[in-house]
Amino acid sequence: MQATRVKTLVDVQKILRAHRKELSEKYCVKRIGVFGSYSRNEQREDSDVDIFVEFERPVRMITFLRLQEYLEELLGVKVDLVTKGALKRRIRERILKEVKYV
């Protein structure tokens, strides 16, 4: 069963807050936030949710992919999950300023 598709930044933040403990314990999430169209309230019906994540410690690729899949199930929408290290230098500062942390 898939979750109802999120509509707003507030929807995304509520869901992430409600699952903060599991995100930390199961996926080693230290900080998580939203950037992109949802953070600017410019999302459309077909928008994915851009999520920035910081981990407590280095995680394996399988953990990263499972986290992305878990978030997609929770939010009912495609998730573009990124870490600071994955951000291209030319856009890193803009994105880091835009992130709305949960």
Protein backbone atom coordinates (compact mmCIF):
# COMPACT_ATOMS: atom_id res chain seq x y z
CA MET A 1 0.00 0.00 0.00
CA GLN A 2 1.48 3.33 -1.03
CA ALA A 3 1.12 6.49 1.04
CA THR A 4 -1.01 9.37 -0.13
CA ARG A 5 1.05 11.67 -2.32
CA VAL A 6 2.41 14.63 -0.37
CA LYS A 7 1.18 18.04 -1.47
CA THR A 8 3.26 20.62 0.40
CA LEU A 9 6.50 21.20 2.30
CA VAL A 10 4.51 21.01 5.54
CA ASP A 11 3.22 17.55 4.56
CA VAL A 12 6.76 16.33 3.93
CA GLN A 13 8.07 17.81 7.18
CA LYS A 14 5.26 16.26 9.26
CA ILE A 15 5.94 12.82 7.84
CA LEU A 16 9.71 13.08 8.30
CA ARG A 17 9.28 14.30 11.89
CA ALA A 18 6.91 11.44 12.67
CA HIS A 19 9.53 8.94 11.48
CA ARG A 20 12.63 10.66 12.87
CA LYS A 21 13.41 7.88 15.35
CA GLU A 22 13.34 5.16 12.69
CA LEU A 23 15.35 7.32 10.27
CA SER A 24 18.03 7.67 12.93
CA GLU A 25 18.05 4.12 14.28
CA LYS A 26 17.61 2.14 11.06
CA TYR A 27 19.33 4.41 8.53
CA CYS A 28 21.83 6.39 10.69
CA VAL A 29 20.29 9.74 9.65
CA LYS A 30 21.78 12.66 11.57
CA ARG A 31 19.96 15.49 9.73
CA ILE A 32 17.40 15.53 7.00
CA GLY A 33 15.79 18.36 5.09
CA VAL A 34 13.95 19.37 1.95
CA PHE A 35 15.25 21.58 -0.85
CA GLY A 36 14.20 22.33 -4.40
CA SER A 37 10.66 23.01 -5.57
CA TYR A 38 8.98 21.84 -2.35
CA SER A 39 11.14 24.11 -0.17
CA ARG A 40 10.28 27.07 -2.41
CA ASN A 41 6.56 26.14 -2.65
CA GLU A 42 6.97 25.81 -6.43
CA GLN A 43 6.16 22.09 -6.67
CA ARG A 44 3.84 20.74 -9.34
CA GLU A 45 1.76 17.59 -9.42
CA ASP A 46 4.63 15.73 -11.14
CA SER A 47 7.45 17.09 -8.93
CA ASP A 48 9.75 14.78 -7.04
CA VAL A 49 10.87 15.69 -3.51
CA ASP A 50 14.52 16.71 -3.19
CA ILE A 51 15.85 15.55 0.17
CA PHE A 52 19.23 16.40 1.66
CA VAL A 53 20.58 13.94 4.21
CA GLU A 54 23.55 13.86 6.59
CA PHE A 55 24.48 10.56 8.20
CA GLU A 56 25.87 9.83 11.68
CA ARG A 57 28.63 7.81 10.04
CA PRO A 58 29.50 6.62 6.54
CA VAL A 59 26.82 4.25 5.23
CA ARG A 60 26.95 1.61 2.53
CA MET A 61 25.27 2.19 -0.81
CA ILE A 62 22.61 -0.40 0.02
CA THR A 63 21.61 1.58 3.12
CA PHE A 64 21.41 4.77 1.07
CA LEU A 65 19.22 3.08 -1.55
CA ARG A 66 16.97 1.50 1.08
CA LEU A 67 16.54 4.90 2.71
CA GLN A 68 15.55 6.42 -0.62
CA GLU A 69 13.02 3.62 -1.20
CA TYR A 70 11.66 4.00 2.35
CA LEU A 71 11.19 7.75 1.88
CA GLU A 72 9.40 7.19 -1.43
CA GLU A 73 7.01 4.80 0.29
CA LEU A 74 6.39 7.24 3.15
CA LEU A 75 5.85 10.26 0.92
CA GLY A 76 4.10 8.56 -1.99
CA VAL A 77 6.31 10.37 -4.49
CA LYS A 78 9.71 9.92 -6.16
CA VAL A 79 12.55 11.13 -3.94
CA ASP A 80 15.86 12.58 -5.11
CA LEU A 81 18.10 11.88 -2.12
CA VAL A 82 21.46 13.65 -1.94
CA THR A 83 24.36 14.16 0.45
CA LYS A 84 26.68 17.15 0.66
CA GLY A 85 29.45 15.21 -1.03
CA ALA A 86 27.22 14.46 -4.02
CA LEU A 87 26.39 18.12 -4.66
CA LYS A 88 28.24 19.78 -7.51
CA ARG A 89 30.43 22.60 -6.25
CA ARG A 90 28.76 25.28 -8.36
CA ILE A 91 25.31 24.63 -6.82
CA ARG A 92 26.29 23.41 -3.34
CA GLU A 93 26.03 26.75 -1.51
CA ARG A 94 22.66 27.61 -3.06
CA ILE A 95 21.20 24.25 -2.10
CA LEU A 96 22.64 24.32 1.42
CA LYS A 97 21.02 27.74 1.96
CA GLU A 98 17.72 26.45 0.60
CA VAL A 99 17.43 23.29 2.74
CA LYS A 100 14.54 23.32 5.21
CA TYR A 101 15.67 20.94 7.95
CA VAL A 102 13.25 18.81 9.92
